[in-house]
């Protein structure tokens, strides 16, 4: 059976299809309780740098520019390479869902991270 790599807003209800749930934001989702989030992991090290996240959310960067800079950050990060290997291993056993808090379901760091992981051979 092939397992899936998914992304999902952290505020959305948990489902059995989520599998291993990993929060990929640097900040904890506002108003979300840790018990309700039911995370397996919270990996702050692979989240966008604070200045990059802030510039994007304040409208100083387009999504395309944010994605380009975040991808560069991932390419230069030892933690991101380790995270890719970890997710690859997790997918051998279950689905993996990358959680993010942003309201924008199409333009967020989890989408960029998922695309980057898939390009690195982490496939569902």
Protein backbone atom coordinates (compact mmCIF):
# COMPACT_ATOMS: atom_id res chain seq x y z
CA UNK A 1 0.00 0.00 0.00
CA UNK A 2 1.26 3.43 -0.94
CA UNK A 3 1.09 6.09 1.75
CA UNK A 4 0.39 9.75 1.06
CA UNK A 5 2.18 12.99 1.88
CA UNK A 6 -0.47 15.60 2.59
CA UNK A 7 -0.79 19.12 3.90
CA UNK A 8 -3.60 20.38 6.08
CA UNK A 9 -4.47 23.43 8.09
CA UNK A 10 -3.73 22.79 11.77
CA UNK A 11 -7.19 24.07 12.74
CA UNK A 12 -8.95 21.45 10.61
CA UNK A 13 -10.26 18.40 12.48
CA UNK A 14 -7.97 15.41 12.74
CA UNK A 15 -8.95 12.38 10.65
CA UNK A 16 -7.61 8.80 10.65
CA UNK A 17 -6.25 9.44 7.12
CA UNK A 18 -3.84 12.06 8.51
CA UNK A 19 -1.41 9.44 9.76
CA UNK A 20 1.63 11.08 11.34
CA UNK A 21 0.84 14.76 11.96
CA UNK A 22 3.79 17.17 11.89
CA UNK A 23 3.48 20.89 12.55
CA UNK A 24 5.87 22.71 10.18
CA UNK A 25 5.38 26.29 11.45
CA UNK A 26 7.87 28.10 13.65
CA UNK A 27 5.09 29.56 15.83
CA UNK A 28 2.39 27.61 17.64
CA UNK A 29 -1.05 28.13 16.00
CA UNK A 30 -2.90 30.91 17.81
CA UNK A 31 -5.73 29.67 20.01
CA UNK A 32 -4.97 25.99 19.37
CA UNK A 33 -4.54 23.71 22.36
CA UNK A 34 -1.72 21.19 22.27
CA UNK A 35 -4.07 18.40 23.27
CA UNK A 36 -6.48 19.18 20.42
CA UNK A 37 -3.70 19.42 17.85
CA UNK A 38 -2.71 15.78 18.45
CA UNK A 39 0.73 16.14 16.89
CA UNK A 40 3.35 13.47 16.54
CA UNK A 41 5.99 16.18 16.05
CA UNK A 42 6.59 19.90 15.82
CA UNK A 43 9.58 20.63 13.60
CA UNK A 44 10.41 24.32 13.94
CA UNK A 45 13.86 23.88 12.36
CA UNK A 46 12.45 23.39 8.85
CA UNK A 47 9.99 26.30 9.07
CA UNK A 48 10.77 29.53 7.19
CA UNK A 49 13.14 31.89 8.99
CA UNK A 50 11.36 34.48 11.13
CA UNK A 51 12.30 37.42 8.88
CA UNK A 52 11.16 35.57 5.75
CA UNK A 53 7.83 34.58 7.32
CA UNK A 54 7.25 38.13 8.55
CA UNK A 55 8.08 39.73 5.19
CA UNK A 56 5.67 37.40 3.40
CA UNK A 57 2.81 37.90 5.86
CA UNK A 58 3.25 41.68 5.79
CA UNK A 59 3.00 41.68 2.00
CA UNK A 60 6.62 42.66 1.36
CA UNK A 61 7.17 39.49 -0.70
CA UNK A 62 5.00 37.84 -3.33
CA UNK A 63 4.30 34.15 -2.80
CA UNK A 64 6.66 33.34 -5.67
CA UNK A 65 9.50 35.29 -4.04
CA UNK A 66 8.73 33.78 -0.64
CA UNK A 67 8.74 30.28 -2.14
CA UNK A 68 12.06 30.91 -3.92
CA UNK A 69 13.72 32.18 -0.74
CA UNK A 70 12.25 29.43 1.43
CA UNK A 71 13.41 26.77 -1.03
CA UNK A 72 16.91 28.25 -0.88
CA UNK A 73 16.74 28.07 2.92
CA UNK A 74 15.72 24.40 2.68
CA UNK A 75 18.52 23.61 0.23
CA UNK A 76 21.11 25.10 2.59
CA UNK A 77 19.76 23.42 5.73
CA UNK A 78 21.12 20.21 7.25
CA UNK A 79 17.89 19.97 9.25
CA UNK A 80 15.81 20.01 6.06
CA UNK A 81 17.82 17.14 4.57
CA UNK A 82 17.34 15.16 7.79
CA UNK A 83 13.64 16.01 7.79
CA UNK A 84 13.30 14.72 4.20
CA UNK A 85 14.90 11.40 5.17
CA UNK A 86 12.68 11.19 8.26
CA UNK A 87 9.48 11.81 6.26
CA UNK A 88 10.59 9.26 3.66
CA UNK A 89 10.92 6.69 6.46
CA UNK A 90 7.56 7.61 7.99
CA UNK A 91 5.83 7.20 4.62
CA UNK A 92 6.90 3.55 4.55
CA UNK A 93 4.54 2.96 7.49
CA UNK A 94 1.70 5.49 7.26
CA UNK A 95 0.44 8.70 5.70
CA UNK A 96 2.20 11.90 6.74
CA UNK A 97 0.37 15.22 7.08
CA UNK A 98 2.28 18.49 7.25
CA UNK A 99 0.29 20.98 9.32
CA UNK A 100 0.32 24.77 8.92
CA UNK A 101 -1.73 27.57 10.50
CA UNK A 102 -2.05 30.03 7.60
CA UNK A 103 -5.56 30.87 6.40
CA UNK A 104 -4.39 30.71 2.79
CA UNK A 105 -4.67 27.07 1.74
CA UNK A 106 -2.78 27.55 -1.53
CA UNK A 107 0.01 29.97 -0.60
CA UNK A 108 1.75 28.75 2.54
CA UNK A 109 5.03 27.28 3.73
CA UNK A 110 3.65 23.72 3.95
CA UNK A 111 2.81 23.78 0.24
CA UNK A 112 6.36 24.91 -0.60
CA UNK A 113 7.82 22.29 1.75
CA UNK A 114 5.68 19.49 0.30
CA UNK A 115 6.73 20.40 -3.25
CA UNK A 116 10.38 20.55 -2.18
CA UNK A 117 10.14 17.15 -0.45
CA UNK A 118 8.58 15.60 -3.55
CA UNK A 119 11.38 17.00 -5.70
CA UNK A 120 13.84 15.38 -3.28
CA UNK A 121 12.24 12.02 -3.92
CA UNK A 122 9.96 11.93 -0.90
CA UNK A 123 6.92 10.57 -2.65
CA UNK A 124 3.56 9.41 -1.51
